[in-house]
Amino acid sequence: MAKDYLTYWRPETVDVQEWGLLGHSAGGQLHRVEPGDTVWIVTVCPPCQLLSTCL
């Protein structure tokens, strides 16, 4: 059964990221991700804007 995972990126990480297909994302819990799972990447940029994407 596919699972969803949530990971937070600091705004400065998002500012330098070239968007498109992400080759990887690091995180302490991401070793549990399996094919078919969804990883949601979120951040909060001033003033209070929530941004998210998934891979």
C-alpha atoms as a PDB file:
ATOM      1  CA  MET A   1       0.000   0.000   0.000  1.00  0.00           C
ATOM      2  CA  ALA A   2       1.418   3.392  -1.026  1.00  0.00           C
ATOM      3  CA  LYS A   3       2.246   5.831   1.780  1.00  0.00           C
ATOM      4  CA  ASP A   4       2.684   9.603   2.001  1.00  0.00           C
ATOM      5  CA  TYR A   5       5.697  11.237   3.641  1.00  0.00           C
ATOM      6  CA  LEU A   6       6.165  14.882   4.598  1.00  0.00           C
ATOM      7  CA  THR A   7       9.516  16.659   4.653  1.00  0.00           C
ATOM      8  CA  TYR A   8      10.293  20.302   5.399  1.00  0.00           C
ATOM      9  CA  TRP A   9      12.789  22.448   3.479  1.00  0.00           C
ATOM     10  CA  ARG A  10      14.012  25.761   4.853  1.00  0.00           C
ATOM     11  CA  PRO A  11      13.105  28.740   2.613  1.00  0.00           C
ATOM     12  CA  GLU A  12      16.759  29.328   1.692  1.00  0.00           C
ATOM     13  CA  THR A  13      16.958  25.762   0.352  1.00  0.00           C
ATOM     14  CA  VAL A  14      13.945  26.377  -1.868  1.00  0.00           C
ATOM     15  CA  ASP A  15      15.411  29.682  -3.129  1.00  0.00           C
ATOM     16  CA  VAL A  16      18.469  27.935  -4.620  1.00  0.00           C
ATOM     17  CA  GLN A  17      16.678  24.805  -5.877  1.00  0.00           C
ATOM     18  CA  GLU A  18      16.301  24.422  -9.631  1.00  0.00           C
ATOM     19  CA  TRP A  19      12.778  23.097 -10.072  1.00  0.00           C
ATOM     20  CA  GLY A  20      12.003  20.182 -12.279  1.00  0.00           C
ATOM     21  CA  LEU A  21      12.604  16.527 -11.587  1.00  0.00           C
ATOM     22  CA  LEU A  22      14.421  16.161  -8.270  1.00  0.00           C
ATOM     23  CA  GLY A  23      17.150  13.550  -8.263  1.00  0.00           C
ATOM     24  CA  HIS A  24      17.082  13.156  -4.498  1.00  0.00           C
ATOM     25  CA  SER A  25      16.045  14.611  -1.174  1.00  0.00           C
ATOM     26  CA  ALA A  26      17.721  13.780   2.111  1.00  0.00           C
ATOM     27  CA  GLY A  27      15.968  13.198   5.396  1.00  0.00           C
ATOM     28  CA  GLY A  28      16.212  11.026   8.458  1.00  0.00           C
ATOM     29  CA  GLN A  29      12.977   9.150   7.742  1.00  0.00           C
ATOM     30  CA  LEU A  30      13.211   8.884   3.954  1.00  0.00           C
ATOM     31  CA  HIS A  31      14.983   5.514   4.053  1.00  0.00           C
ATOM     32  CA  ARG A  32      11.488   4.078   4.546  1.00  0.00           C
ATOM     33  CA  VAL A  33      10.210   5.369   1.172  1.00  0.00           C
ATOM     34  CA  GLU A  34       9.426   2.684  -1.380  1.00  0.00           C
ATOM     35  CA  PRO A  35       8.466   2.826  -5.072  1.00  0.00           C
ATOM     36  CA  GLY A  36       4.906   4.127  -5.394  1.00  0.00           C
ATOM     37  CA  ASP A  37       5.070   6.252  -2.226  1.00  0.00           C
ATOM     38  CA  THR A  38       4.651  10.044  -2.372  1.00  0.00           C
ATOM     39  CA  VAL A  39       7.084  12.447  -0.685  1.00  0.00           C
ATOM     40  CA  TRP A  40       5.630  15.905  -0.050  1.00  0.00           C
ATOM     41  CA  ILE A  41       8.180  18.720   0.261  1.00  0.00           C
ATOM     42  CA  VAL A  42       6.900  21.825   2.041  1.00  0.00           C
ATOM     43  CA  THR A  43       8.239  25.179   3.178  1.00  0.00           C
ATOM     44  CA  VAL A  44       6.880  28.472   4.455  1.00  0.00           C
ATOM     45  CA  CYS A  45       8.044  31.649   2.725  1.00  0.00           C
ATOM     46  CA  PRO A  46       7.333  35.105   4.091  1.00  0.00           C
ATOM     47  CA  PRO A  47       4.763  36.444   4.393  1.00  0.00           C
ATOM     48  CA  CYS A  48       3.084  33.202   5.495  1.00  0.00           C
ATOM     49  CA  GLN A  49       2.928  31.472   2.118  1.00  0.00           C
ATOM     50  CA  LEU A  50       2.837  27.683   2.247  1.00  0.00           C
ATOM     51  CA  LEU A  51       4.493  26.005  -0.732  1.00  0.00           C
ATOM     52  CA  SER A  52       4.432  22.307  -1.465  1.00  0.00           C
ATOM     53  CA  THR A  53       5.420  19.852  -4.167  1.00  0.00           C
ATOM     54  CA  CYS A  54       5.732  16.118  -4.329  1.00  0.00           C
ATOM     55  CA  LEU A  55       8.136  13.598  -5.796  1.00  0.00           C
END
